[in-house]
Amino acid sequence: MGRNDALLACSGNLRPSANLKCWPMQQKMGDDLAEAFRNYSWEINRAHAYNEEKRHGFINMLTETRMCAKPHKSRPQRS
């Protein structure tokens, strides 16, 4: 990640049905946010991937926090 990169973590709901229903709007919001950030020379990177099995890209903050922490560990330190 470079100096003008941001991570986007999508925290989900404890109800799987809510995550399925809300994912299309969350995905659109993420795309719109990425476009807005590009206008200011920033790049949005998702902190975690879409989960094919669950059919959404949310994370469960209670059980999957390591998915978001992993990119931070490999990120170079800024001086």
Foldseek 3Di string as FASTA:
>chain_A
DDPQEDEDAAADDPDLVRQQVCQVVVVVVVVVVQVVSVVVVHGYDYLADADPVSRHRHDHCVPPVVSNVVVVVPDDDDD
